[in-house]
C-alpha atoms as a PDB file:
ATOM      1  CA  MET A   1     214.987 -76.404 190.195  1.00  0.00           C
ATOM      2  CA  LEU A   2     211.495 -77.848 188.988  1.00  0.00           C
ATOM      3  CA  ASP A   3     209.088 -78.952 190.875  1.00  0.00           C
ATOM      4  CA  TYR A   4     207.007 -81.590 189.525  1.00  0.00           C
ATOM      5  CA  GLU A   5     205.224 -83.300 192.447  1.00  0.00           C
ATOM      6  CA  HIS A   6     201.483 -83.603 192.015  1.00  0.00           C
ATOM      7  CA  ASP A   7     198.334 -84.237 194.227  1.00  0.00           C
ATOM      8  CA  GLU A   8     196.355 -88.006 193.315  1.00  0.00           C
ATOM      9  CA  GLU A   9     194.162 -85.755 191.470  1.00  0.00           C
ATOM     10  CA  GLU A  10     196.206 -84.389 189.070  1.00  0.00           C
ATOM     11  CA  HIS A  11     197.197 -85.875 186.565  1.00  0.00           C
ATOM     12  CA  ARG A  12     200.560 -87.411 185.841  1.00  0.00           C
ATOM     13  CA  ILE A  13     203.391 -84.666 183.682  1.00  0.00           C
ATOM     14  CA  ASP A  14     202.888 -87.738 181.806  1.00  0.00           C
ATOM     15  CA  GLN A  15     199.215 -87.578 180.341  1.00  0.00           C
ATOM     16  CA  LEU A  16     199.371 -83.499 179.856  1.00  0.00           C
ATOM     17  CA  SER A  17     199.330 -81.748 176.867  1.00  0.00           C
ATOM     18  CA  ARG A  18     202.487 -79.922 175.493  1.00  0.00           C
ATOM     19  CA  LYS A  19     201.035 -76.013 176.396  1.00  0.00           C
ATOM     20  CA  GLU A  20     199.857 -77.643 179.813  1.00  0.00           C
ATOM     21  CA  VAL A  21     204.053 -79.137 180.362  1.00  0.00           C
ATOM     22  CA  VAL A  22     205.389 -75.907 179.233  1.00  0.00           C
ATOM     23  CA  ASP A  23     202.830 -73.550 180.668  1.00  0.00           C
ATOM     24  CA  ARG A  24     203.890 -75.438 184.502  1.00  0.00           C
ATOM     25  CA  ILE A  25     207.419 -74.367 183.816  1.00  0.00           C
ATOM     26  CA  VAL A  26     206.952 -71.117 182.526  1.00  0.00           C
ATOM     27  CA  ALA A  27     204.528 -70.729 186.055  1.00  0.00           C
ATOM     28  CA  GLN A  28     207.630 -72.361 188.463  1.00  0.00           C
ATOM     29  CA  LEU A  29     210.583 -69.670 186.194  1.00  0.00           C
ATOM     30  CA  SER A  30     211.847 -66.368 187.699  1.00  0.00           C
ATOM     31  CA  GLU A  31     210.644 -63.422 185.273  1.00  0.00           C
ATOM     32  CA  GLU A  32     214.246 -62.059 185.006  1.00  0.00           C
ATOM     33  CA  ALA A  33     215.022 -65.443 183.198  1.00  0.00           C
ATOM     34  CA  LEU A  34     212.279 -65.328 180.863  1.00  0.00           C
ATOM     35  CA  THR A  35     213.253 -62.158 179.907  1.00  0.00           C
ATOM     36  CA  VAL A  36     217.090 -63.781 179.591  1.00  0.00           C
ATOM     37  CA  TRP A  37     215.767 -66.254 177.342  1.00  0.00           C
ATOM     38  CA  ALA A  38     213.041 -64.247 174.960  1.00  0.00           C
ATOM     39  CA  GLU A  39     215.836 -62.280 174.041  1.00  0.00           C
ATOM     40  CA  ALA A  40     218.825 -65.227 173.355  1.00  0.00           C
ATOM     41  CA  MET A  41     215.924 -66.707 171.633  1.00  0.00           C
ATOM     42  CA  ALA A  42     215.306 -63.413 169.965  1.00  0.00           C
ATOM     43  CA  LYS A  43     219.104 -63.264 168.831  1.00  0.00           C
ATOM     44  CA  ARG A  44     219.076 -66.407 166.986  1.00  0.00           C
ATOM     45  CA  GLY A  45     216.153 -65.428 165.225  1.00  0.00           C
ATOM     46  CA  VAL A  46     213.364 -67.651 167.357  1.00  0.00           C
ATOM     47  CA  ARG A  47     209.795 -65.584 167.076  1.00  0.00           C
ATOM     48  CA  ILE A  48     208.229 -67.033 170.246  1.00  0.00           C
ATOM     49  CA  ASP A  49     204.826 -65.081 170.793  1.00  0.00           C
ATOM     50  CA  GLY A  50     203.700 -67.905 168.344  1.00  0.00           C
ATOM     51  CA  ARG A  51     201.926 -67.681 164.609  1.00  0.00           C
ATOM     52  CA  ARG A  52     201.312 -64.740 162.341  1.00  0.00           C
ATOM     53  CA  ARG A  53     197.940 -65.611 160.973  1.00  0.00           C
ATOM     54  CA  LEU A  54     197.204 -63.944 157.039  1.00  0.00           C
ATOM     55  CA  PRO A  55     194.122 -61.895 156.701  1.00  0.00           C
ATOM     56  CA  SER A  56     191.739 -62.950 154.969  1.00  0.00           C
ATOM     57  CA  LYS A  57     192.090 -60.384 152.351  1.00  0.00           C
ATOM     58  CA  ARG A  58     196.163 -60.698 150.942  1.00  0.00           C
ATOM     59  CA  PRO A  59     197.691 -60.695 147.937  1.00  0.00           C
ATOM     60  CA  ILE A  60     198.690 -63.400 146.006  1.00  0.00           C
ATOM     61  CA  GLN A  61     201.185 -63.666 143.513  1.00  0.00           C
ATOM     62  CA  THR A  62     200.328 -66.950 141.035  1.00  0.00           C
ATOM     63  CA  GLN A  63     202.418 -68.549 138.662  1.00  0.00           C
ATOM     64  CA  HIS A  64     202.084 -71.424 135.780  1.00  0.00           C
ATOM     65  CA  ALA A  65     204.863 -73.176 134.716  1.00  0.00           C
ATOM     66  CA  LYS A  66     205.584 -76.283 134.186  1.00  0.00           C
ATOM     67  CA  VAL A  67     208.858 -77.736 134.740  1.00  0.00           C
ATOM     68  CA  CYS A  68     209.696 -81.509 132.806  1.00  0.00           C
ATOM     69  CA  GLY A  69     206.361 -80.879 130.556  1.00  0.00           C
ATOM     70  CA  LEU A  70     204.573 -81.767 135.090  1.00  0.00           C
ATOM     71  CA  PRO A  71     202.589 -78.563 135.181  1.00  0.00           C
ATOM     72  CA  MET A  72     201.924 -76.839 138.146  1.00  0.00           C
ATOM     73  CA  PHE A  73     199.991 -73.557 139.965  1.00  0.00           C
ATOM     74  CA  LEU A  74     202.872 -71.993 142.296  1.00  0.00           C
ATOM     75  CA  SER A  75     200.640 -69.458 144.353  1.00  0.00           C
ATOM     76  CA  VAL A  76     202.735 -67.037 146.659  1.00  0.00           C
ATOM     77  CA  GLY A  77     199.997 -65.336 149.866  1.00  0.00           C
ATOM     78  CA  PHE A  78     201.571 -61.943 151.809  1.00  0.00           C
ATOM     79  CA  TYR A  79     201.094 -60.196 154.227  1.00  0.00           C
ATOM     80  CA  PRO A  80     200.299 -56.325 154.191  1.00  0.00           C
ATOM     81  CA  ASP A  81     203.719 -55.325 154.583  1.00  0.00           C
ATOM     82  CA  GLY A  82     204.785 -57.050 151.235  1.00  0.00           C
ATOM     83  CA  LYS A  83     206.160 -60.177 153.209  1.00  0.00           C
ATOM     84  CA  ALA A  84     205.566 -64.102 151.738  1.00  0.00           C
ATOM     85  CA  GLY A  85     203.366 -65.668 154.305  1.00  0.00           C
ATOM     86  CA  GLU A  86     201.878 -69.330 152.589  1.00  0.00           C
ATOM     87  CA  LEU A  87     202.324 -71.170 149.526  1.00  0.00           C
ATOM     88  CA  PHE A  88     200.306 -73.080 147.665  1.00  0.00           C
ATOM     89  CA  VAL A  89     201.237 -75.763 145.220  1.00  0.00           C
ATOM     90  CA  ASP A  90     198.852 -77.554 142.644  1.00  0.00           C
ATOM     91  CA  ILE A  91     200.417 -80.951 140.441  1.00  0.00           C
ATOM     92  CA  THR A  92     197.592 -80.616 137.545  1.00  0.00           C
ATOM     93  CA  LYS A  93     198.894 -84.233 136.020  1.00  0.00           C
ATOM     94  CA  GLU A  94     200.597 -86.493 138.397  1.00  0.00           C
ATOM     95  CA  GLY A  95     199.672 -89.604 140.686  1.00  0.00           C
ATOM     96  CA  GLY A  96     198.544 -89.214 143.647  1.00  0.00           C
ATOM     97  CA  ALA A  97     202.326 -89.709 146.246  1.00  0.00           C
ATOM     98  CA  ILE A  98     204.024 -87.347 144.513  1.00  0.00           C
ATOM     99  CA  ARG A  99     200.621 -85.044 144.423  1.00  0.00           C
ATOM    100  CA  GLY A 100     200.304 -85.421 147.943  1.00  0.00           C
ATOM    101  CA  LEU A 101     204.289 -85.462 149.029  1.00  0.00           C
ATOM    102  CA  ILE A 102     203.968 -81.590 147.261  1.00  0.00           C
ATOM    103  CA  HIS A 103     201.238 -80.290 148.575  1.00  0.00           C
ATOM    104  CA  ALA A 104     202.158 -81.474 152.618  1.00  0.00           C
ATOM    105  CA  PHE A 105     205.676 -79.359 151.204  1.00  0.00           C
ATOM    106  CA  ALA A 106     204.024 -76.220 150.782  1.00  0.00           C
ATOM    107  CA  MET A 107     201.899 -76.727 154.266  1.00  0.00           C
ATOM    108  CA  LEU A 108     204.790 -77.482 155.954  1.00  0.00           C
ATOM    109  CA  PHE A 109     206.584 -74.288 154.372  1.00  0.00           C
ATOM    110  CA  SER A 110     204.148 -71.488 155.304  1.00  0.00           C
ATOM    111  CA  MET A 111     203.803 -72.974 158.613  1.00  0.00           C
ATOM    112  CA  ALA A 112     207.548 -71.779 158.639  1.00  0.00           C
ATOM    113  CA  LEU A 113     206.889 -68.902 157.417  1.00  0.00           C
ATOM    114  CA  GLN A 114     204.161 -68.392 159.677  1.00  0.00           C
ATOM    115  CA  TYR A 115     206.265 -69.075 162.681  1.00  0.00           C
ATOM    116  CA  GLY A 116     208.864 -66.918 161.676  1.00  0.00           C
ATOM    117  CA  ALA A 117     211.103 -69.191 159.593  1.00  0.00           C
ATOM    118  CA  PRO A 118     213.028 -66.699 157.619  1.00  0.00           C
ATOM    119  CA  LEU A 119     212.074 -67.117 153.837  1.00  0.00           C
ATOM    120  CA  GLU A 120     215.911 -66.397 153.228  1.00  0.00           C
ATOM    121  CA  VAL A 121     216.924 -69.216 155.144  1.00  0.00           C
ATOM    122  CA  LEU A 122     214.808 -71.880 154.118  1.00  0.00           C
ATOM    123  CA  ILE A 123     215.495 -71.332 150.510  1.00  0.00           C
ATOM    124  CA  GLU A 124     219.204 -72.225 151.005  1.00  0.00           C
ATOM    125  CA  GLN A 125     217.502 -75.163 152.449  1.00  0.00           C
ATOM    126  CA  PHE A 126     216.022 -76.196 149.336  1.00  0.00           C
ATOM    127  CA  SER A 127     218.264 -74.711 147.036  1.00  0.00           C
ATOM    128  CA  TYR A 128     219.123 -76.969 144.332  1.00  0.00           C
ATOM    129  CA  MET A 129     217.248 -80.030 145.565  1.00  0.00           C
ATOM    130  CA  ARG A 130     217.325 -82.892 143.235  1.00  0.00           C
ATOM    131  CA  PHE A 131     214.810 -85.533 142.413  1.00  0.00           C
ATOM    132  CA  LEU A 132     212.937 -86.318 139.033  1.00  0.00           C
ATOM    133  CA  PRO A 133     211.361 -85.056 137.930  1.00  0.00           C
ATOM    134  CA  ASP A 134     214.315 -82.506 136.371  1.00  0.00           C
ATOM    135  CA  GLY A 135     214.669 -80.029 133.586  1.00  0.00           C
ATOM    136  CA  ALA A 136     213.232 -77.385 131.182  1.00  0.00           C
ATOM    137  CA  VAL A 137     210.904 -74.784 132.933  1.00  0.00           C
ATOM    138  CA  GLU A 138     207.928 -74.104 130.565  1.00  0.00           C
ATOM    139  CA  GLY A 139     206.700 -70.826 131.410  1.00  0.00           C
ATOM    140  CA  ASP A 140     208.582 -68.829 133.659  1.00  0.00           C
ATOM    141  CA  ASP A 141     211.223 -66.197 132.126  1.00  0.00           C
ATOM    142  CA  ARG A 142     213.150 -66.400 134.685  1.00  0.00           C
ATOM    143  CA  ILE A 143     214.573 -69.933 135.673  1.00  0.00           C
ATOM    144  CA  ALA A 144     215.075 -71.975 132.436  1.00  0.00           C
ATOM    145  CA  LYS A 145     215.608 -75.475 134.164  1.00  0.00           C
ATOM    146  CA  ALA A 146     215.017 -76.705 137.390  1.00  0.00           C
ATOM    147  CA  THR A 147     217.198 -80.446 139.693  1.00  0.00           C
ATOM    148  CA  SER A 148     213.571 -80.903 140.605  1.00  0.00           C
ATOM    149  CA  VAL A 149     210.236 -78.810 141.784  1.00  0.00           C
ATOM    150  CA  LEU A 150     211.188 -78.457 145.089  1.00  0.00           C
ATOM    151  CA  ASP A 151     214.427 -76.705 143.575  1.00  0.00           C
ATOM    152  CA  TYR A 152     212.546 -74.343 140.985  1.00  0.00           C
ATOM    153  CA  VAL A 153     209.605 -73.515 143.460  1.00  0.00           C
ATOM    154  CA  VAL A 154     212.033 -72.260 145.808  1.00  0.00           C
ATOM    155  CA  ARG A 155     213.896 -70.421 143.388  1.00  0.00           C
ATOM    156  CA  HIS A 156     211.283 -68.691 142.079  1.00  0.00           C
ATOM    157  CA  LEU A 157     210.500 -67.059 145.569  1.00  0.00           C
ATOM    158  CA  ALA A 158     214.122 -66.012 145.404  1.00  0.00           C
ATOM    159  CA  VAL A 159     213.954 -65.099 141.734  1.00  0.00           C
ATOM    160  CA  HIS A 160     209.839 -63.465 142.241  1.00  0.00           C
ATOM    161  CA  VAL A 161     209.611 -62.751 145.603  1.00  0.00           C
ATOM    162  CA  LEU A 162     213.169 -62.249 147.422  1.00  0.00           C
ATOM    163  CA  GLY A 163     214.711 -60.181 143.939  1.00  0.00           C
ATOM    164  CA  ARG A 164     217.500 -62.912 144.072  1.00  0.00           C
ATOM    165  CA  GLU A 165     219.467 -63.576 140.940  1.00  0.00           C
ATOM    166  CA  ASP A 166     221.759 -65.108 142.183  1.00  0.00           C
ATOM    167  CA  LEU A 167     219.899 -68.359 142.228  1.00  0.00           C
ATOM    168  CA  VAL A 168     218.390 -67.457 138.234  1.00  0.00           C
ATOM    169  CA  SER A 169     220.404 -70.300 136.826  1.00  0.00           C
ATOM    170  CA  GLY A 170     219.764 -73.705 136.451  1.00  0.00           C
ATOM    171  CA  ASP A 171     222.751 -75.269 137.092  1.00  0.00           C
ATOM    172  CA  PRO A 172     223.909 -75.200 141.306  1.00  0.00           C
ATOM    173  CA  PRO A 173     226.851 -73.596 142.572  1.00  0.00           C
ATOM    174  CA  VAL A 174     229.607 -75.375 142.536  1.00  0.00           C
ATOM    175  CA  GLU A 175     230.175 -75.076 146.621  1.00  0.00           C
ATOM    176  CA  ALA A 176     225.888 -76.421 146.989  1.00  0.00           C
ATOM    177  CA  GLY A 177     226.901 -79.988 145.670  1.00  0.00           C
ATOM    178  CA  LEU A 178     224.375 -82.835 145.066  1.00  0.00           C
ATOM    179  CA  ARG A 179     222.074 -82.698 147.673  1.00  0.00           C
END
């Protein structure tokens, strides 16, 4: 059982930062319990050692394309081992709302990759997501049609970074359904 008692001089548990709470809990766990937990997380593919930052100098692949006439630049930064580690999407002619949302998506996507989320899982989650603008893709020799900007971004990663041929088509597979 974890002990949360404290002296009057100490902070209350609800006033501590997340890191302080985790540190207190971990300090009270046995080495064996931590090892079992770490192994269980590793089997699930969860990294527990924190963020893997990209080096200051890194290879980047940039693609200029248009989805339904909406121009964008898509850049992917890579670790030295060739794995994708960051994503930038710059929409050049769109209002602040969609531009901000796409930028926030790219930041979250990058953080997920840096904390160990598998690119394959992220692609499966976001491919064929439907919202406007959607339609013809210009400037990408492999992907001709997208169901949204996010669909194009993740399928671009699948095709050009992972070499997946199953996501080249612009038509979602029957089992994908509507998202």
